[in-house]
Amino acid sequence: MATPFDYSNLSDRPRGPGLSALSALVPGVRAVQEQVGPYAAAWAEHNRAVLEGAGPVWVALGDSMTQGIGASAPGRGWVGQLSMRLRERGWEHRLVNLGVNGARVDDVCDRQLPALDALSARTGPVALVTVVIGSNDVVVPRHRRGVVTRFASMLDRLPHGAVVANLPNPHREARAIDDLLRERDEAGSLVLADMRREGPRSWRGRLSSDLFHPNDRGYAEMATVLERAVERSRIV
C-alpha cells in the first residue's frame, strides 16, 4: 500500500510586515489573505484524494495564482478552470497542485521540484507539468537580483516539454526571463505559455478585492493562455 503523499501547500515563511499591515487596514486585502489557509488545506486534501486513483497526472507548480488565491473558490483559479476544460475535451487526468502562496523561484527549486520527483517515483512519468512562478521575485527589488539565473536553473530541472508561463511585468528581469523562455521554446525543451502577448491587455474588472490577484474572470483568461500552450504540447 502506498504511503500518503505528505506535502503542505502552506509556505514555511511568515507573512511579511507590509502585507500584515495592509491586511489590517484594507478590508479587500484582508479578505483575500483569509483565503490562504483554507485554499492550501483544500488543495492538500484534493492531492491526497486524487493520488488514490489512477490515470495520467498533471502537476501544477507555482505560487498563489496556481492556488487560485483571489478566486471565489480554489477550483475557480486558472488551474481549476483549465482542468475542467481539459476534462470536457476528453483528457481525464489526476491534477496535483503543488502551488504555495508567496512562493518564489527558489521555493519551486527547494520544495516543489523535490515533491514532483517523489510523485514521479510513485506514479511513473508525469504527463503534464505546468509552471507559473516569478511574480513574487520581480516585484521586490532584493529578490529581483539574480532571479534570471535562478529561473534558468529551475528550467534545467524541469521535465522535457513542461509548460512554463512568462511574466507580464515591465521589469527588465521579466523581459530577460521572457527571452530565456522563448529560446528554450524554440529549442523544443519546453512550451511557452505566453502571458505577455496573449494575456489580458487590461486587468480592469479582472482583479480580486486586493487589486493584485486575479478574480474568476482574470483566471479564466489565464486559463485560456495556458490551454493554448497545452494544445501545443500535444497532451490533448
C-alpha atoms as a PDB file:
ATOM      1  CA  MET A   1       0.000   0.000   0.000  1.00  0.00           C
ATOM      2  CA  ALA A   2       1.425   3.395  -0.998  1.00  0.00           C
ATOM      3  CA  THR A   3       2.268   5.812   1.776  1.00  0.00           C
ATOM      4  CA  PRO A   4       0.185   9.024   1.858  1.00  0.00           C
ATOM      5  CA  PHE A   5       1.560  11.944  -0.150  1.00  0.00           C
ATOM      6  CA  ASP A   6       2.972  14.246   2.524  1.00  0.00           C
ATOM      7  CA  TYR A   7       3.083  17.775   1.104  1.00  0.00           C
ATOM      8  CA  SER A   8       1.861  21.059   2.557  1.00  0.00           C
ATOM      9  CA  ASN A   9       0.587  23.849   0.301  1.00  0.00           C
ATOM     10  CA  LEU A  10       1.379  26.375   3.021  1.00  0.00           C
ATOM     11  CA  SER A  11       4.540  28.467   2.947  1.00  0.00           C
ATOM     12  CA  ASP A  12       7.109  27.898   5.666  1.00  0.00           C
ATOM     13  CA  ARG A  13       7.761  31.669   5.774  1.00  0.00           C
ATOM     14  CA  PRO A  14       5.688  34.061   7.892  1.00  0.00           C
ATOM     15  CA  ARG A  15       3.697  36.777   6.175  1.00  0.00           C
ATOM     16  CA  GLY A  16       5.756  39.948   5.720  1.00  0.00           C
ATOM     17  CA  PRO A  17       5.121  43.023   7.906  1.00  0.00           C
ATOM     18  CA  GLY A  18       3.983  45.140   4.960  1.00  0.00           C
ATOM     19  CA  LEU A  19       1.330  42.664   3.897  1.00  0.00           C
ATOM     20  CA  SER A  20       0.268  42.178   7.513  1.00  0.00           C
ATOM     21  CA  ALA A  21      -0.229  45.938   7.865  1.00  0.00           C
ATOM     22  CA  LEU A  22      -2.209  46.132   4.630  1.00  0.00           C
ATOM     23  CA  SER A  23      -4.387  43.226   5.733  1.00  0.00           C
ATOM     24  CA  ALA A  24      -5.170  45.034   8.963  1.00  0.00           C
ATOM     25  CA  LEU A  25      -6.015  48.307   7.229  1.00  0.00           C
ATOM     26  CA  VAL A  26      -7.604  47.326   3.909  1.00  0.00           C
ATOM     27  CA  PRO A  27     -10.656  45.029   4.000  1.00  0.00           C
ATOM     28  CA  GLY A  28     -10.128  43.867   0.407  1.00  0.00           C
ATOM     29  CA  VAL A  29      -6.590  42.726   1.142  1.00  0.00           C
ATOM     30  CA  ARG A  30      -7.691  41.055   4.372  1.00  0.00           C
ATOM     31  CA  ALA A  31     -10.485  39.170   2.592  1.00  0.00           C
ATOM     32  CA  VAL A  32      -8.081  37.702   0.050  1.00  0.00           C
ATOM     33  CA  GLN A  33      -5.425  36.859   2.645  1.00  0.00           C
ATOM     34  CA  GLU A  34      -8.045  34.980   4.656  1.00  0.00           C
ATOM     35  CA  GLN A  35      -8.251  32.537   1.741  1.00  0.00           C
ATOM     36  CA  VAL A  36      -4.635  31.404   2.102  1.00  0.00           C
ATOM     37  CA  GLY A  37      -5.076  28.787   4.825  1.00  0.00           C
ATOM     38  CA  PRO A  38      -8.367  27.295   3.584  1.00  0.00           C
ATOM     39  CA  TYR A  39      -7.214  27.150  -0.051  1.00  0.00           C
ATOM     40  CA  ALA A  40      -3.947  25.454   0.922  1.00  0.00           C
ATOM     41  CA  ALA A  41      -5.859  22.907   3.001  1.00  0.00           C
ATOM     42  CA  ALA A  42      -8.328  22.286   0.179  1.00  0.00           C
ATOM     43  CA  TRP A  43      -5.568  21.560  -2.333  1.00  0.00           C
ATOM     44  CA  ALA A  44      -3.665  19.330   0.089  1.00  0.00           C
ATOM     45  CA  GLU A  45      -6.816  17.270   0.654  1.00  0.00           C
ATOM     46  CA  HIS A  46      -7.503  17.195  -3.091  1.00  0.00           C
ATOM     47  CA  ASN A  47      -3.963  15.998  -3.836  1.00  0.00           C
ATOM     48  CA  ARG A  48      -4.187  13.135  -1.364  1.00  0.00           C
ATOM     49  CA  ALA A  49      -7.554  12.055  -2.741  1.00  0.00           C
ATOM     50  CA  VAL A  50      -6.613  12.016  -6.434  1.00  0.00           C
ATOM     51  CA  LEU A  51      -3.455  10.032  -5.776  1.00  0.00           C
ATOM     52  CA  GLU A  52      -5.618   7.165  -4.552  1.00  0.00           C
ATOM     53  CA  GLY A  53      -6.926   6.826  -8.105  1.00  0.00           C
ATOM     54  CA  ALA A  54      -5.371   6.060 -11.457  1.00  0.00           C
ATOM     55  CA  GLY A  55      -4.719   7.840 -14.731  1.00  0.00           C
ATOM     56  CA  PRO A  56      -2.382  10.470 -16.202  1.00  0.00           C
ATOM     57  CA  VAL A  57      -1.004  13.019 -13.740  1.00  0.00           C
ATOM     58  CA  TRP A  58      -0.796  16.781 -14.229  1.00  0.00           C
ATOM     59  CA  VAL A  59       1.401  18.556 -11.680  1.00  0.00           C
ATOM     60  CA  ALA A  60       0.967  22.324 -11.296  1.00  0.00           C
ATOM     61  CA  LEU A  61       3.930  24.204  -9.811  1.00  0.00           C
ATOM     62  CA  GLY A  62       3.756  27.822  -8.741  1.00  0.00           C
ATOM     63  CA  ASP A  63       2.614  30.482  -6.322  1.00  0.00           C
ATOM     64  CA  SER A  64      -0.681  31.979  -5.149  1.00  0.00           C
ATOM     65  CA  MET A  65      -2.041  32.162  -8.690  1.00  0.00           C
ATOM     66  CA  THR A  66      -1.581  28.414  -9.060  1.00  0.00           C
ATOM     67  CA  GLN A  67      -3.550  28.017  -5.812  1.00  0.00           C
ATOM     68  CA  GLY A  68      -6.270  30.331  -7.134  1.00  0.00           C
ATOM     69  CA  ILE A  69      -5.955  32.957  -4.401  1.00  0.00           C
ATOM     70  CA  GLY A  70      -8.403  35.752  -5.215  1.00  0.00           C
ATOM     71  CA  ALA A  71     -10.902  33.455  -6.933  1.00  0.00           C
ATOM     72  CA  SER A  72     -14.301  32.665  -5.451  1.00  0.00           C
ATOM     73  CA  ALA A  73     -13.198  29.075  -4.692  1.00  0.00           C
ATOM     74  CA  PRO A  74      -9.943  27.081  -5.011  1.00  0.00           C
ATOM     75  CA  GLY A  75     -11.226  25.402  -8.169  1.00  0.00           C
ATOM     76  CA  ARG A  76     -12.026  28.746  -9.823  1.00  0.00           C
ATOM     77  CA  GLY A  77      -8.381  29.727 -10.274  1.00  0.00           C
ATOM     78  CA  TRP A  78      -6.712  29.146 -13.618  1.00  0.00           C
ATOM     79  CA  VAL A  79      -5.663  25.619 -12.613  1.00  0.00           C
ATOM     80  CA  GLY A  80      -9.167  24.510 -11.707  1.00  0.00           C
ATOM     81  CA  GLN A  81     -10.759  26.168 -14.719  1.00  0.00           C
ATOM     82  CA  LEU A  82      -8.205  24.664 -17.107  1.00  0.00           C
ATOM     83  CA  SER A  83      -8.612  21.236 -15.529  1.00  0.00           C
ATOM     84  CA  MET A  84     -12.350  21.394 -16.176  1.00  0.00           C
ATOM     85  CA  ARG A  85     -11.802  22.440 -19.793  1.00  0.00           C
ATOM     86  CA  LEU A  86      -9.348  19.611 -20.402  1.00  0.00           C
ATOM     87  CA  ARG A  87     -11.802  17.082 -18.970  1.00  0.00           C
ATOM     88  CA  GLU A  88     -14.534  18.460 -21.213  1.00  0.00           C
ATOM     89  CA  ARG A  89     -12.195  17.858 -24.148  1.00  0.00           C
ATOM     90  CA  GLY A  90     -11.786  14.242 -23.120  1.00  0.00           C
ATOM     91  CA  TRP A  91      -8.477  14.288 -21.247  1.00  0.00           C
ATOM     92  CA  GLU A  92      -9.169  12.550 -17.948  1.00  0.00           C
ATOM     93  CA  HIS A  93      -6.337  13.219 -15.526  1.00  0.00           C
ATOM     94  CA  ARG A  94      -5.305  13.479 -11.914  1.00  0.00           C
ATOM     95  CA  LEU A  95      -4.432  17.069 -11.034  1.00  0.00           C
ATOM     96  CA  VAL A  96      -1.849  17.527  -8.284  1.00  0.00           C
ATOM     97  CA  ASN A  97      -1.448  21.176  -7.284  1.00  0.00           C
ATOM     98  CA  LEU A  98       1.832  21.972  -5.517  1.00  0.00           C
ATOM     99  CA  GLY A  99       1.341  25.755  -5.603  1.00  0.00           C
ATOM    100  CA  VAL A 100       2.187  27.743  -2.470  1.00  0.00           C
ATOM    101  CA  ASN A 101       1.062  31.272  -1.658  1.00  0.00           C
ATOM    102  CA  GLY A 102       4.030  33.653  -1.718  1.00  0.00           C
ATOM    103  CA  ALA A 103       6.300  31.164  -3.479  1.00  0.00           C
ATOM    104  CA  ARG A 104       9.351  32.371  -5.357  1.00  0.00           C
ATOM    105  CA  VAL A 105      11.595  30.581  -7.853  1.00  0.00           C
ATOM    106  CA  ASP A 106      13.762  29.241  -5.023  1.00  0.00           C
ATOM    107  CA  ASP A 107      10.689  27.647  -3.446  1.00  0.00           C
ATOM    108  CA  VAL A 108       9.929  25.759  -6.636  1.00  0.00           C
ATOM    109  CA  CYS A 109      13.524  24.505  -6.687  1.00  0.00           C
ATOM    110  CA  ASP A 110      13.742  23.678  -2.985  1.00  0.00           C
ATOM    111  CA  ARG A 111      10.244  22.305  -2.246  1.00  0.00           C
ATOM    112  CA  GLN A 112       8.123  21.768  -5.306  1.00  0.00           C
ATOM    113  CA  LEU A 113      10.573  20.067  -7.658  1.00  0.00           C
ATOM    114  CA  PRO A 114      11.595  17.511  -4.994  1.00  0.00           C
ATOM    115  CA  ALA A 115       7.883  16.836  -4.456  1.00  0.00           C
ATOM    116  CA  LEU A 116       7.490  16.382  -8.216  1.00  0.00           C
ATOM    117  CA  ASP A 117      10.359  13.889  -8.188  1.00  0.00           C
ATOM    118  CA  ALA A 118       8.694  11.987  -5.345  1.00  0.00           C
ATOM    119  CA  LEU A 119       5.426  11.922  -7.266  1.00  0.00           C
ATOM    120  CA  SER A 120       7.145  10.637 -10.396  1.00  0.00           C
ATOM    121  CA  ALA A 121       8.719   7.825  -8.374  1.00  0.00           C
ATOM    122  CA  ARG A 122       5.270   6.958  -7.041  1.00  0.00           C
ATOM    123  CA  THR A 123       3.102   7.291 -10.169  1.00  0.00           C
ATOM    124  CA  GLY A 124       5.564   6.909 -13.026  1.00  0.00           C
ATOM    125  CA  PRO A 125       6.323   9.691 -15.528  1.00  0.00           C
ATOM    126  CA  VAL A 126       4.075  12.715 -15.106  1.00  0.00           C
ATOM    127  CA  ALA A 127       2.040  13.516 -18.232  1.00  0.00           C
ATOM    128  CA  LEU A 128       1.976  17.305 -17.821  1.00  0.00           C
ATOM    129  CA  VAL A 129       3.896  19.831 -15.730  1.00  0.00           C
ATOM    130  CA  THR A 130       2.870  23.490 -15.669  1.00  0.00           C
ATOM    131  CA  VAL A 131       4.823  26.308 -14.037  1.00  0.00           C
ATOM    132  CA  VAL A 132       3.608  29.812 -13.187  1.00  0.00           C
ATOM    133  CA  ILE A 133       6.238  31.451 -10.973  1.00  0.00           C
ATOM    134  CA  GLY A 134       8.355  34.567 -10.675  1.00  0.00           C
ATOM    135  CA  SER A 135       5.914  37.351  -9.841  1.00  0.00           C
ATOM    136  CA  ASN A 136       6.973  37.399  -6.187  1.00  0.00           C
ATOM    137  CA  ASP A 137      10.612  37.618  -7.273  1.00  0.00           C
ATOM    138  CA  VAL A 138      10.344  40.502  -9.725  1.00  0.00           C
ATOM    139  CA  VAL A 139       8.085  42.761  -7.642  1.00  0.00           C
ATOM    140  CA  VAL A 140      10.593  43.009  -4.762  1.00  0.00           C
ATOM    141  CA  PRO A 141      13.994  44.566  -5.546  1.00  0.00           C
ATOM    142  CA  ARG A 142      16.017  42.342  -3.214  1.00  0.00           C
ATOM    143  CA  HIS A 143      14.501  39.201  -4.759  1.00  0.00           C
ATOM    144  CA  ARG A 144      14.880  40.581  -8.278  1.00  0.00           C
ATOM    145  CA  ARG A 145      18.646  40.317  -8.088  1.00  0.00           C
ATOM    146  CA  GLY A 146      19.779  37.048  -9.613  1.00  0.00           C
ATOM    147  CA  VAL A 147      16.266  35.885 -10.495  1.00  0.00           C
ATOM    148  CA  VAL A 148      17.131  35.229 -14.146  1.00  0.00           C
ATOM    149  CA  THR A 149      19.936  32.862 -13.132  1.00  0.00           C
ATOM    150  CA  ARG A 150      17.660  31.134 -10.613  1.00  0.00           C
ATOM    151  CA  PHE A 151      14.923  30.811 -13.228  1.00  0.00           C
ATOM    152  CA  ALA A 152      17.358  29.239 -15.705  1.00  0.00           C
ATOM    153  CA  SER A 153      18.493  26.747 -13.060  1.00  0.00           C
ATOM    154  CA  MET A 154      14.872  25.851 -12.380  1.00  0.00           C
ATOM    155  CA  LEU A 155      14.220  25.288 -16.090  1.00  0.00           C
ATOM    156  CA  ASP A 156      17.197  22.930 -16.246  1.00  0.00           C
ATOM    157  CA  ARG A 157      15.457  20.688 -13.692  1.00  0.00           C
ATOM    158  CA  LEU A 158      12.027  20.554 -15.331  1.00  0.00           C
ATOM    159  CA  PRO A 159      10.871  17.549 -17.344  1.00  0.00           C
ATOM    160  CA  HIS A 160      11.163  17.921 -21.107  1.00  0.00           C
ATOM    161  CA  GLY A 161       8.080  19.582 -22.559  1.00  0.00           C
ATOM    162  CA  ALA A 162       6.925  21.345 -19.388  1.00  0.00           C
ATOM    163  CA  VAL A 163       4.545  24.263 -19.964  1.00  0.00           C
ATOM    164  CA  VAL A 164       6.021  27.434 -18.443  1.00  0.00           C
ATOM    165  CA  ALA A 165       4.440  30.900 -18.315  1.00  0.00           C
ATOM    166  CA  ASN A 166       6.310  34.141 -18.784  1.00  0.00           C
ATOM    167  CA  LEU A 167       5.627  37.263 -16.718  1.00  0.00           C
ATOM    168  CA  PRO A 168       3.520  40.215 -17.949  1.00  0.00           C
ATOM    169  CA  ASN A 169       5.727  42.599 -15.977  1.00  0.00           C
ATOM    170  CA  PRO A 170       7.721  45.628 -17.233  1.00  0.00           C
ATOM    171  CA  HIS A 171      10.896  44.996 -15.196  1.00  0.00           C
ATOM    172  CA  ARG A 172      13.974  44.121 -17.231  1.00  0.00           C
ATOM    173  CA  GLU A 173      14.340  40.856 -15.297  1.00  0.00           C
ATOM    174  CA  ALA A 174      10.896  39.779 -16.512  1.00  0.00           C
ATOM    175  CA  ARG A 175      11.913  40.653 -20.071  1.00  0.00           C
ATOM    176  CA  ALA A 176      15.117  38.627 -19.665  1.00  0.00           C
ATOM    177  CA  ILE A 177      13.099  35.649 -18.403  1.00  0.00           C
ATOM    178  CA  ASP A 178      10.837  36.047 -21.430  1.00  0.00           C
ATOM    179  CA  ASP A 179      13.870  35.922 -23.749  1.00  0.00           C
ATOM    180  CA  LEU A 180      15.113  32.808 -21.954  1.00  0.00           C
ATOM    181  CA  LEU A 181      11.759  31.068 -22.281  1.00  0.00           C
ATOM    182  CA  ARG A 182      11.436  31.920 -25.967  1.00  0.00           C
ATOM    183  CA  GLU A 183      14.885  30.484 -26.659  1.00  0.00           C
ATOM    184  CA  ARG A 184      14.008  27.235 -24.907  1.00  0.00           C
ATOM    185  CA  ASP A 185      10.600  27.069 -26.529  1.00  0.00           C
ATOM    186  CA  GLU A 186      12.224  27.381 -29.954  1.00  0.00           C
ATOM    187  CA  ALA A 187      14.740  24.686 -28.985  1.00  0.00           C
ATOM    188  CA  GLY A 188      11.844  22.392 -28.070  1.00  0.00           C
ATOM    189  CA  SER A 189      12.763  21.793 -24.433  1.00  0.00           C
ATOM    190  CA  LEU A 190       9.630  23.487 -23.049  1.00  0.00           C
ATOM    191  CA  VAL A 191       6.361  25.033 -24.185  1.00  0.00           C
ATOM    192  CA  LEU A 192       5.876  28.746 -23.529  1.00  0.00           C
ATOM    193  CA  ALA A 193       2.552  29.954 -22.158  1.00  0.00           C
ATOM    194  CA  ASP A 194       2.760  33.499 -23.478  1.00  0.00           C
ATOM    195  CA  MET A 195       1.095  35.713 -20.888  1.00  0.00           C
ATOM    196  CA  ARG A 196       2.944  38.759 -22.226  1.00  0.00           C
ATOM    197  CA  ARG A 197       1.432  38.579 -25.722  1.00  0.00           C
ATOM    198  CA  GLU A 198      -1.722  36.523 -25.228  1.00  0.00           C
ATOM    199  CA  GLY A 199      -2.830  37.530 -21.723  1.00  0.00           C
ATOM    200  CA  PRO A 200      -5.287  40.316 -20.881  1.00  0.00           C
ATOM    201  CA  ARG A 201      -4.411  43.713 -22.324  1.00  0.00           C
ATOM    202  CA  SER A 202      -6.120  45.262 -19.314  1.00  0.00           C
ATOM    203  CA  TRP A 203      -6.797  43.793 -15.870  1.00  0.00           C
ATOM    204  CA  ARG A 204      -9.728  46.139 -15.316  1.00  0.00           C
ATOM    205  CA  GLY A 205     -12.588  44.045 -13.948  1.00  0.00           C
ATOM    206  CA  ARG A 206     -10.310  41.032 -13.697  1.00  0.00           C
ATOM    207  CA  LEU A 207      -8.784  41.562 -10.248  1.00  0.00           C
ATOM    208  CA  SER A 208      -9.945  40.467  -6.817  1.00  0.00           C
ATOM    209  CA  SER A 209     -10.613  42.851  -3.948  1.00  0.00           C
ATOM    210  CA  ASP A 210      -6.902  43.194  -3.131  1.00  0.00           C
ATOM    211  CA  LEU A 211      -6.301  44.607  -6.641  1.00  0.00           C
ATOM    212  CA  PHE A 212      -3.352  42.237  -7.077  1.00  0.00           C
ATOM    213  CA  HIS A 213      -4.625  38.692  -7.517  1.00  0.00           C
ATOM    214  CA  PRO A 214      -6.961  37.831 -10.403  1.00  0.00           C
ATOM    215  CA  ASN A 215     -10.634  37.137  -9.828  1.00  0.00           C
ATOM    216  CA  ASP A 216     -12.574  34.346 -11.561  1.00  0.00           C
ATOM    217  CA  ARG A 217     -12.696  36.330 -14.803  1.00  0.00           C
ATOM    218  CA  GLY A 218      -8.984  37.096 -14.734  1.00  0.00           C
ATOM    219  CA  TYR A 219      -8.154  33.473 -14.017  1.00  0.00           C
ATOM    220  CA  ALA A 220     -10.389  32.382 -16.915  1.00  0.00           C
ATOM    221  CA  GLU A 221      -8.239  34.437 -19.274  1.00  0.00           C
ATOM    222  CA  MET A 222      -5.070  32.992 -17.774  1.00  0.00           C
ATOM    223  CA  ALA A 223      -6.538  29.520 -18.284  1.00  0.00           C
ATOM    224  CA  THR A 224      -7.059  30.323 -21.959  1.00  0.00           C
ATOM    225  CA  VAL A 225      -3.374  31.191 -22.407  1.00  0.00           C
ATOM    226  CA  LEU A 226      -2.292  28.021 -20.616  1.00  0.00           C
ATOM    227  CA  GLU A 227      -4.821  25.976 -22.611  1.00  0.00           C
ATOM    228  CA  ARG A 228      -3.234  27.129 -25.876  1.00  0.00           C
ATOM    229  CA  ALA A 229       0.171  26.088 -24.581  1.00  0.00           C
ATOM    230  CA  VAL A 230      -1.135  22.674 -23.515  1.00  0.00           C
ATOM    231  CA  GLU A 231      -2.560  22.261 -27.024  1.00  0.00           C
ATOM    232  CA  ARG A 232       0.901  22.924 -28.422  1.00  0.00           C
ATOM    233  CA  SER A 233       2.330  20.302 -26.081  1.00  0.00           C
ATOM    234  CA  ARG A 234       0.012  17.772 -27.773  1.00  0.00           C
ATOM    235  CA  ILE A 235      -1.153  16.332 -24.464  1.00  0.00           C
ATOM    236  CA  VAL A 236      -4.757  16.782 -25.560  1.00  0.00           C
END
